[in-house]
Amino acid sequence: GYAPRTLQRKLQEAGTSYHALLDEMRRELSIYYLRDAQIAVSAVAFLLGFSETSAFHRAFKRWTGTSPGEFRLAEAIAKHSA
C-alpha cells in the first residue's frame, strides 16, 4: 500500500481525489442496487455509508438528476416496455 500522502499525490497527478473516487463508486453502486426492487432505498443508503436516507436522496439527485424513487419507476417502465 501507499502512505496517505503518497496516495493523495498520485491521485492528484491522475486528476482526481479520494473523495471524487468515493463519490463515483457510490453513484455506480447506487444505480446497481436500486435496479433490485427487493432492496429498500434506506438499505441502499446504509450499504453506501450514508448515515441518513435524506443525504442519500440528495446525493442521488445530484448524480442523476432524479430521485431514487423516480429512478426505480423509470427502470420498471423500461423493463415492461422492452
PDB file of N, CA and C in Angstrom:
ATOM      1  N   GLY A   1       0.818  -1.193   0.000  1.00  0.00           N
ATOM      2  CA  GLY A   1       0.000   0.000   0.000  1.00  0.00           C
ATOM      3  C   GLY A   1       0.854   1.246   0.000  1.00  0.00           C
ATOM      4  N   TYR A   2       0.169   2.337  -0.120  1.00  0.00           N
ATOM      5  CA  TYR A   2       0.812   3.646  -0.127  1.00  0.00           C
ATOM      6  C   TYR A   2       0.568   4.366   1.189  1.00  0.00           C
ATOM      7  N   ALA A   3       1.497   5.235   1.535  1.00  0.00           N
ATOM      8  CA  ALA A   3       1.266   6.153   2.641  1.00  0.00           C
ATOM      9  C   ALA A   3       0.166   7.118   2.200  1.00  0.00           C
ATOM     10  N   PRO A   4      -0.641   7.623   3.121  1.00  0.00           N
ATOM     11  CA  PRO A   4      -1.745   8.513   2.733  1.00  0.00           C
ATOM     12  C   PRO A   4      -1.312   9.680   1.849  1.00  0.00           C
ATOM     13  N   ARG A   5      -0.213  10.311   2.169  1.00  0.00           N
ATOM     14  CA  ARG A   5       0.247  11.460   1.379  1.00  0.00           C
ATOM     15  C   ARG A   5       0.659  11.022  -0.026  1.00  0.00           C
ATOM     16  N   THR A   6       1.296   9.859  -0.146  1.00  0.00           N
ATOM     17  CA  THR A   6       1.700   9.348  -1.461  1.00  0.00           C
ATOM     18  C   THR A   6       0.473   9.059  -2.309  1.00  0.00           C
ATOM     19  N   LEU A   7      -0.531   8.435  -1.710  1.00  0.00           N
ATOM     20  CA  LEU A   7      -1.769   8.153  -2.435  1.00  0.00           C
ATOM     21  C   LEU A   7      -2.437   9.450  -2.882  1.00  0.00           C
ATOM     22  N   GLN A   8      -2.481  10.422  -1.993  1.00  0.00           N
ATOM     23  CA  GLN A   8      -3.083  11.711  -2.344  1.00  0.00           C
ATOM     24  C   GLN A   8      -2.348  12.342  -3.528  1.00  0.00           C
ATOM     25  N   ARG A   9      -1.037  12.291  -3.517  1.00  0.00           N
ATOM     26  CA  ARG A   9      -0.237  12.871  -4.594  1.00  0.00           C
ATOM     27  C   ARG A   9      -0.482  12.127  -5.910  1.00  0.00           C
ATOM     28  N   LYS A  10      -0.527  10.794  -5.854  1.00  0.00           N
ATOM     29  CA  LYS A  10      -0.766  10.003  -7.075  1.00  0.00           C
ATOM     30  C   LYS A  10      -2.159  10.273  -7.645  1.00  0.00           C
ATOM     31  N   LEU A  11      -3.143  10.381  -6.783  1.00  0.00           N
ATOM     32  CA  LEU A  11      -4.494  10.697  -7.251  1.00  0.00           C
ATOM     33  C   LEU A  11      -4.538  12.091  -7.868  1.00  0.00           C
ATOM     34  N   GLN A  12      -3.841  13.035  -7.254  1.00  0.00           N
ATOM     35  CA  GLN A  12      -3.794  14.397  -7.787  1.00  0.00           C
ATOM     36  C   GLN A  12      -3.129  14.402  -9.160  1.00  0.00           C
ATOM     37  N   GLU A  13      -2.071  13.628  -9.322  1.00  0.00           N
ATOM     38  CA  GLU A  13      -1.402  13.526 -10.621  1.00  0.00           C
ATOM     39  C   GLU A  13      -2.341  12.947 -11.675  1.00  0.00           C
ATOM     40  N   ALA A  14      -3.254  12.073 -11.248  1.00  0.00           N
ATOM     41  CA  ALA A  14      -4.225  11.463 -12.165  1.00  0.00           C
ATOM     42  C   ALA A  14      -5.445  12.361 -12.367  1.00  0.00           C
ATOM     43  N   GLY A  15      -5.448  13.520 -11.715  1.00  0.00           N
ATOM     44  CA  GLY A  15      -6.542  14.466 -11.893  1.00  0.00           C
ATOM     45  C   GLY A  15      -7.792  14.125 -11.109  1.00  0.00           C
ATOM     46  N   THR A  16      -7.626  13.411  -9.990  1.00  0.00           N
ATOM     47  CA  THR A  16      -8.786  13.046  -9.180  1.00  0.00           C
ATOM     48  C   THR A  16      -8.419  13.119  -7.706  1.00  0.00           C
ATOM     49  N   SER A  17      -9.339  12.708  -6.858  1.00  0.00           N
ATOM     50  CA  SER A  17      -9.105  12.700  -5.417  1.00  0.00           C
ATOM     51  C   SER A  17      -9.827  11.509  -4.810  1.00  0.00           C
ATOM     52  N   TYR A  18      -9.510  11.214  -3.570  1.00  0.00           N
ATOM     53  CA  TYR A  18     -10.179  10.125  -2.866  1.00  0.00           C
ATOM     54  C   TYR A  18     -11.683  10.374  -2.826  1.00  0.00           C
ATOM     55  N   HIS A  19     -12.073  11.603  -2.502  1.00  0.00           N
ATOM     56  CA  HIS A  19     -13.499  11.925  -2.396  1.00  0.00           C
ATOM     57  C   HIS A  19     -14.204  11.801  -3.739  1.00  0.00           C
ATOM     58  N   ALA A  20     -13.535  12.181  -4.813  1.00  0.00           N
ATOM     59  CA  ALA A  20     -14.136  12.044  -6.148  1.00  0.00           C
ATOM     60  C   ALA A  20     -14.319  10.571  -6.501  1.00  0.00           C
ATOM     61  N   LEU A  21     -13.323   9.738  -6.179  1.00  0.00           N
ATOM     62  CA  LEU A  21     -13.438   8.298  -6.435  1.00  0.00           C
ATOM     63  C   LEU A  21     -14.548   7.676  -5.596  1.00  0.00           C
ATOM     64  N   LEU A  22     -14.625   8.062  -4.333  1.00  0.00           N
ATOM     65  CA  LEU A  22     -15.673   7.552  -3.450  1.00  0.00           C
ATOM     66  C   LEU A  22     -17.047   7.951  -3.973  1.00  0.00           C
ATOM     67  N   ASP A  23     -17.190   9.194  -4.388  1.00  0.00           N
ATOM     68  CA  ASP A  23     -18.459   9.693  -4.917  1.00  0.00           C
ATOM     69  C   ASP A  23     -18.867   8.911  -6.162  1.00  0.00           C
ATOM     70  N   GLU A  24     -17.922   8.672  -7.059  1.00  0.00           N
ATOM     71  CA  GLU A  24     -18.216   7.930  -8.294  1.00  0.00           C
ATOM     72  C   GLU A  24     -18.587   6.476  -7.989  1.00  0.00           C
ATOM     73  N   MET A  25     -17.886   5.857  -7.063  1.00  0.00           N
ATOM     74  CA  MET A  25     -18.198   4.475  -6.693  1.00  0.00           C
ATOM     75  C   MET A  25     -19.579   4.387  -6.062  1.00  0.00           C
ATOM     76  N   ARG A  26     -19.891   5.333  -5.190  1.00  0.00           N
ATOM     77  CA  ARG A  26     -21.227   5.351  -4.586  1.00  0.00           C
ATOM     78  C   ARG A  26     -22.301   5.528  -5.654  1.00  0.00           C
ATOM     79  N   ARG A  27     -22.061   6.389  -6.627  1.00  0.00           N
ATOM     80  CA  ARG A  27     -23.031   6.614  -7.708  1.00  0.00           C
ATOM     81  C   ARG A  27     -23.275   5.313  -8.471  1.00  0.00           C
ATOM     82  N   GLU A  28     -22.204   4.666  -8.875  1.00  0.00           N
ATOM     83  CA  GLU A  28     -22.337   3.423  -9.644  1.00  0.00           C
ATOM     84  C   GLU A  28     -23.036   2.331  -8.836  1.00  0.00           C
ATOM     85  N   LEU A  29     -22.653   2.183  -7.573  1.00  0.00           N
ATOM     86  CA  LEU A  29     -23.276   1.157  -6.734  1.00  0.00           C
ATOM     87  C   LEU A  29     -24.735   1.477  -6.443  1.00  0.00           C
ATOM     88  N   SER A  30     -25.053   2.756  -6.281  1.00  0.00           N
ATOM     89  CA  SER A  30     -26.449   3.112  -6.009  1.00  0.00           C
ATOM     90  C   SER A  30     -27.342   2.704  -7.171  1.00  0.00           C
ATOM     91  N   ILE A  31     -26.900   2.931  -8.383  1.00  0.00           N
ATOM     92  CA  ILE A  31     -27.673   2.533  -9.566  1.00  0.00           C
ATOM     93  C   ILE A  31     -27.808   1.014  -9.607  1.00  0.00           C
ATOM     94  N   TYR A  32     -26.727   0.312  -9.338  1.00  0.00           N
ATOM     95  CA  TYR A  32     -26.753  -1.155  -9.326  1.00  0.00           C
ATOM     96  C   TYR A  32     -27.765  -1.673  -8.301  1.00  0.00           C
ATOM     97  N   TYR A  33     -27.685  -1.159  -7.064  1.00  0.00           N
ATOM     98  CA  TYR A  33     -28.581  -1.626  -6.004  1.00  0.00           C
ATOM     99  C   TYR A  33     -30.031  -1.233  -6.264  1.00  0.00           C
ATOM    100  N   LEU A  34     -30.262  -0.027  -6.770  1.00  0.00           N
ATOM    101  CA  LEU A  34     -31.639   0.423  -6.989  1.00  0.00           C
ATOM    102  C   LEU A  34     -32.331  -0.342  -8.103  1.00  0.00           C
ATOM    103  N   ARG A  35     -31.575  -0.976  -8.970  1.00  0.00           N
ATOM    104  CA  ARG A  35     -32.193  -1.803 -10.013  1.00  0.00           C
ATOM    105  C   ARG A  35     -32.816  -3.070  -9.424  1.00  0.00           C
ATOM    106  N   ASP A  36     -32.455  -3.400  -8.191  1.00  0.00           N
ATOM    107  CA  ASP A  36     -33.042  -4.547  -7.493  1.00  0.00           C
ATOM    108  C   ASP A  36     -34.150  -4.021  -6.583  1.00  0.00           C
ATOM    109  N   ALA A  37     -35.394  -4.190  -6.997  1.00  0.00           N
ATOM    110  CA  ALA A  37     -36.540  -3.664  -6.253  1.00  0.00           C
ATOM    111  C   ALA A  37     -36.690  -4.302  -4.874  1.00  0.00           C
ATOM    112  N   GLN A  38     -35.996  -5.403  -4.621  1.00  0.00           N
ATOM    113  CA  GLN A  38     -36.074  -6.075  -3.321  1.00  0.00           C
ATOM    114  C   GLN A  38     -35.270  -5.344  -2.242  1.00  0.00           C
ATOM    115  N   ILE A  39     -34.384  -4.446  -2.651  1.00  0.00           N
ATOM    116  CA  ILE A  39     -33.550  -3.714  -1.690  1.00  0.00           C
ATOM    117  C   ILE A  39     -34.190  -2.353  -1.438  1.00  0.00           C
ATOM    118  N   ALA A  40     -34.551  -2.089  -0.192  1.00  0.00           N
ATOM    119  CA  ALA A  40     -35.166  -0.810   0.170  1.00  0.00           C
ATOM    120  C   ALA A  40     -34.180   0.336  -0.045  1.00  0.00           C
ATOM    121  N   VAL A  41     -34.712   1.501  -0.373  1.00  0.00           N
ATOM    122  CA  VAL A  41     -33.861   2.681  -0.576  1.00  0.00           C
ATOM    123  C   VAL A  41     -33.053   2.966   0.688  1.00  0.00           C
ATOM    124  N   SER A  42     -33.668   2.811   1.847  1.00  0.00           N
ATOM    125  CA  SER A  42     -32.939   3.040   3.101  1.00  0.00           C
ATOM    126  C   SER A  42     -31.781   2.055   3.258  1.00  0.00           C
ATOM    127  N   ALA A  43     -31.963   0.820   2.783  1.00  0.00           N
ATOM    128  CA  ALA A  43     -30.885  -0.170   2.838  1.00  0.00           C
ATOM    129  C   ALA A  43     -29.761   0.207   1.882  1.00  0.00           C
ATOM    130  N   VAL A  44     -30.107   0.718   0.711  1.00  0.00           N
ATOM    131  CA  VAL A  44     -29.089   1.176  -0.249  1.00  0.00           C
ATOM    132  C   VAL A  44     -28.272   2.294   0.389  1.00  0.00           C
ATOM    133  N   ALA A  45     -28.959   3.240   1.024  1.00  0.00           N
ATOM    134  CA  ALA A  45     -28.265   4.350   1.687  1.00  0.00           C
ATOM    135  C   ALA A  45     -27.286   3.819   2.728  1.00  0.00           C
ATOM    136  N   PHE A  46     -27.730   2.866   3.530  1.00  0.00           N
ATOM    137  CA  PHE A  46     -26.877   2.277   4.558  1.00  0.00           C
ATOM    138  C   PHE A  46     -25.688   1.544   3.940  1.00  0.00           C
ATOM    139  N   LEU A  47     -25.952   0.738   2.905  1.00  0.00           N
ATOM    140  CA  LEU A  47     -24.881  -0.016   2.245  1.00  0.00           C
ATOM    141  C   LEU A  47     -23.794   0.897   1.690  1.00  0.00           C
ATOM    142  N   LEU A  48     -24.189   2.090   1.261  1.00  0.00           N
ATOM    143  CA  LEU A  48     -23.234   3.019   0.661  1.00  0.00           C
ATOM    144  C   LEU A  48     -22.591   3.955   1.679  1.00  0.00           C
ATOM    145  N   GLY A  49     -22.920   3.778   2.952  1.00  0.00           N
ATOM    146  CA  GLY A  49     -22.259   4.543   4.002  1.00  0.00           C
ATOM    147  C   GLY A  49     -22.900   5.862   4.355  1.00  0.00           C
ATOM    148  N   PHE A  50     -24.139   6.078   3.935  1.00  0.00           N
ATOM    149  CA  PHE A  50     -24.838   7.307   4.299  1.00  0.00           C
ATOM    150  C   PHE A  50     -25.482   7.118   5.665  1.00  0.00           C
ATOM    151  N   SER A  51     -25.304   8.084   6.548  1.00  0.00           N
ATOM    152  CA  SER A  51     -25.882   7.969   7.886  1.00  0.00           C
ATOM    153  C   SER A  51     -27.371   8.305   7.884  1.00  0.00           C
ATOM    154  N   GLU A  52     -27.813   9.050   6.889  1.00  0.00           N
ATOM    155  CA  GLU A  52     -29.219   9.436   6.774  1.00  0.00           C
ATOM    156  C   GLU A  52     -29.710   9.152   5.363  1.00  0.00           C
ATOM    157  N   THR A  53     -30.922   8.628   5.255  1.00  0.00           N
ATOM    158  CA  THR A  53     -31.507   8.368   3.943  1.00  0.00           C
ATOM    159  C   THR A  53     -31.658   9.664   3.156  1.00  0.00           C
ATOM    160  N   SER A  54     -31.962  10.757   3.856  1.00  0.00           N
ATOM    161  CA  SER A  54     -32.135  12.045   3.173  1.00  0.00           C
ATOM    162  C   SER A  54     -30.839  12.496   2.500  1.00  0.00           C
ATOM    163  N   ALA A  55     -29.702  12.207   3.108  1.00  0.00           N
ATOM    164  CA  ALA A  55     -28.414  12.561   2.498  1.00  0.00           C
ATOM    165  C   ALA A  55     -28.193  11.744   1.231  1.00  0.00           C
ATOM    166  N   PHE A  56     -28.600  10.477   1.257  1.00  0.00           N
ATOM    167  CA  PHE A  56     -28.505   9.646   0.059  1.00  0.00           C
ATOM    168  C   PHE A  56     -29.406  10.194  -1.044  1.00  0.00           C
ATOM    169  N   HIS A  57     -30.629  10.584  -0.693  1.00  0.00           N
ATOM    170  CA  HIS A  57     -31.551  11.148  -1.687  1.00  0.00           C
ATOM    171  C   HIS A  57     -30.932  12.369  -2.369  1.00  0.00           C
ATOM    172  N   ARG A  58     -30.341  13.256  -1.571  1.00  0.00           N
ATOM    173  CA  ARG A  58     -29.711  14.463  -2.140  1.00  0.00           C
ATOM    174  C   ARG A  58     -28.551  14.097  -3.058  1.00  0.00           C
ATOM    175  N   ALA A  59     -27.719  13.162  -2.620  1.00  0.00           N
ATOM    176  CA  ALA A  59     -26.571  12.748  -3.435  1.00  0.00           C
ATOM    177  C   ALA A  59     -27.040  12.102  -4.729  1.00  0.00           C
ATOM    178  N   PHE A  60     -28.044  11.228  -4.651  1.00  0.00           N
ATOM    179  CA  PHE A  60     -28.528  10.545  -5.850  1.00  0.00           C
ATOM    180  C   PHE A  60     -29.108  11.550  -6.841  1.00  0.00           C
ATOM    181  N   LYS A  61     -29.837  12.529  -6.329  1.00  0.00           N
ATOM    182  CA  LYS A  61     -30.407  13.560  -7.207  1.00  0.00           C
ATOM    183  C   LYS A  61     -29.278  14.372  -7.860  1.00  0.00           C
ATOM    184  N   ARG A  62     -28.212  14.639  -7.112  1.00  0.00           N
ATOM    185  CA  ARG A  62     -27.061  15.366  -7.671  1.00  0.00           C
ATOM    186  C   ARG A  62     -26.393  14.537  -8.765  1.00  0.00           C
ATOM    187  N   TRP A  63     -26.281  13.232  -8.554  1.00  0.00           N
ATOM    188  CA  TRP A  63     -25.624  12.348  -9.519  1.00  0.00           C
ATOM    189  C   TRP A  63     -26.441  12.143 -10.784  1.00  0.00           C
ATOM    190  N   THR A  64     -27.751  11.987 -10.623  1.00  0.00           N
ATOM    191  CA  THR A  64     -28.579  11.542 -11.748  1.00  0.00           C
ATOM    192  C   THR A  64     -29.629  12.544 -12.203  1.00  0.00           C
ATOM    193  N   GLY A  65     -29.905  13.546 -11.386  1.00  0.00           N
ATOM    194  CA  GLY A  65     -30.955  14.499 -11.724  1.00  0.00           C
ATOM    195  C   GLY A  65     -32.345  13.998 -11.383  1.00  0.00           C
ATOM    196  N   THR A  66     -32.438  12.859 -10.727  1.00  0.00           N
ATOM    197  CA  THR A  66     -33.724  12.272 -10.358  1.00  0.00           C
ATOM    198  C   THR A  66     -33.629  11.655  -8.967  1.00  0.00           C
ATOM    199  N   SER A  67     -34.766  11.439  -8.334  1.00  0.00           N
ATOM    200  CA  SER A  67     -34.761  10.815  -7.011  1.00  0.00           C
ATOM    201  C   SER A  67     -34.641   9.300  -7.155  1.00  0.00           C
ATOM    202  N   PRO A  68     -34.261   8.605  -6.082  1.00  0.00           N
ATOM    203  CA  PRO A  68     -34.194   7.143  -6.155  1.00  0.00           C
ATOM    204  C   PRO A  68     -35.537   6.516  -6.549  1.00  0.00           C
ATOM    205  N   GLY A  69     -36.631   7.041  -6.023  1.00  0.00           N
ATOM    206  CA  GLY A  69     -37.947   6.512  -6.366  1.00  0.00           C
ATOM    207  C   GLY A  69     -38.293   6.717  -7.828  1.00  0.00           C
ATOM    208  N   GLU A  70     -37.990   7.907  -8.351  1.00  0.00           N
ATOM    209  CA  GLU A  70     -38.233   8.183  -9.770  1.00  0.00           C
ATOM    210  C   GLU A  70     -37.370   7.290 -10.650  1.00  0.00           C
ATOM    211  N   PHE A  71     -36.137   7.061 -10.222  1.00  0.00           N
ATOM    212  CA  PHE A  71     -35.237   6.181 -10.965  1.00  0.00           C
ATOM    213  C   PHE A  71     -35.819   4.775 -11.039  1.00  0.00           C
ATOM    214  N   ARG A  72     -36.289   4.269  -9.909  1.00  0.00           N
ATOM    215  CA  ARG A  72     -36.877   2.921  -9.886  1.00  0.00           C
ATOM    216  C   ARG A  72     -38.108   2.838 -10.773  1.00  0.00           C
ATOM    217  N   LEU A  73     -38.940   3.863 -10.745  1.00  0.00           N
ATOM    218  CA  LEU A  73     -40.138   3.875 -11.581  1.00  0.00           C
ATOM    219  C   LEU A  73     -39.753   3.839 -13.056  1.00  0.00           C
ATOM    220  N   ALA A  74     -38.776   4.653 -13.440  1.00  0.00           N
ATOM    221  CA  ALA A  74     -38.317   4.675 -14.833  1.00  0.00           C
ATOM    222  C   ALA A  74     -37.735   3.324 -15.234  1.00  0.00           C
ATOM    223  N   GLU A  75     -37.006   2.683 -14.334  1.00  0.00           N
ATOM    224  CA  GLU A  75     -36.442   1.355 -14.607  1.00  0.00           C
ATOM    225  C   GLU A  75     -37.557   0.327 -14.802  1.00  0.00           C
ATOM    226  N   ALA A  76     -38.593   0.395 -13.971  1.00  0.00           N
ATOM    227  CA  ALA A  76     -39.711  -0.551 -14.076  1.00  0.00           C
ATOM    228  C   ALA A  76     -40.450  -0.366 -15.396  1.00  0.00           C
ATOM    229  N   ILE A  77     -40.652   0.885 -15.793  1.00  0.00           N
ATOM    230  CA  ILE A  77     -41.325   1.169 -17.066  1.00  0.00           C
ATOM    231  C   ILE A  77     -40.480   0.653 -18.224  1.00  0.00           C
ATOM    232  N   ALA A  78     -39.178   0.880 -18.152  1.00  0.00           N
ATOM    233  CA  ALA A  78     -38.277   0.428 -19.221  1.00  0.00           C
ATOM    234  C   ALA A  78     -38.290  -1.098 -19.338  1.00  0.00           C
ATOM    235  N   LYS A  79     -38.354  -1.802 -18.210  1.00  0.00           N
ATOM    236  CA  LYS A  79     -38.388  -3.270 -18.232  1.00  0.00           C
ATOM    237  C   LYS A  79     -39.663  -3.780 -18.892  1.00  0.00           C
ATOM    238  N   HIS A  80     -40.786  -3.123 -18.595  1.00  0.00           N
ATOM    239  CA  HIS A  80     -42.063  -3.578 -19.139  1.00  0.00           C
ATOM    240  C   HIS A  80     -42.234  -3.242 -20.613  1.00  0.00           C
ATOM    241  N   SER A  81     -41.555  -2.212 -21.067  1.00  0.00           N
ATOM    242  CA  SER A  81     -41.691  -1.834 -22.478  1.00  0.00           C
ATOM    243  C   SER A  81     -40.639  -2.499 -23.358  1.00  0.00           C
ATOM    244  N   ALA A  82     -39.702  -3.213 -22.744  1.00  0.00           N
ATOM    245  CA  ALA A  82     -38.638  -3.880 -23.519  1.00  0.00           C
ATOM    246  C   ALA A  82     -39.086  -5.210 -24.068  1.00  0.00           C
TER     247      ALA A  82
END
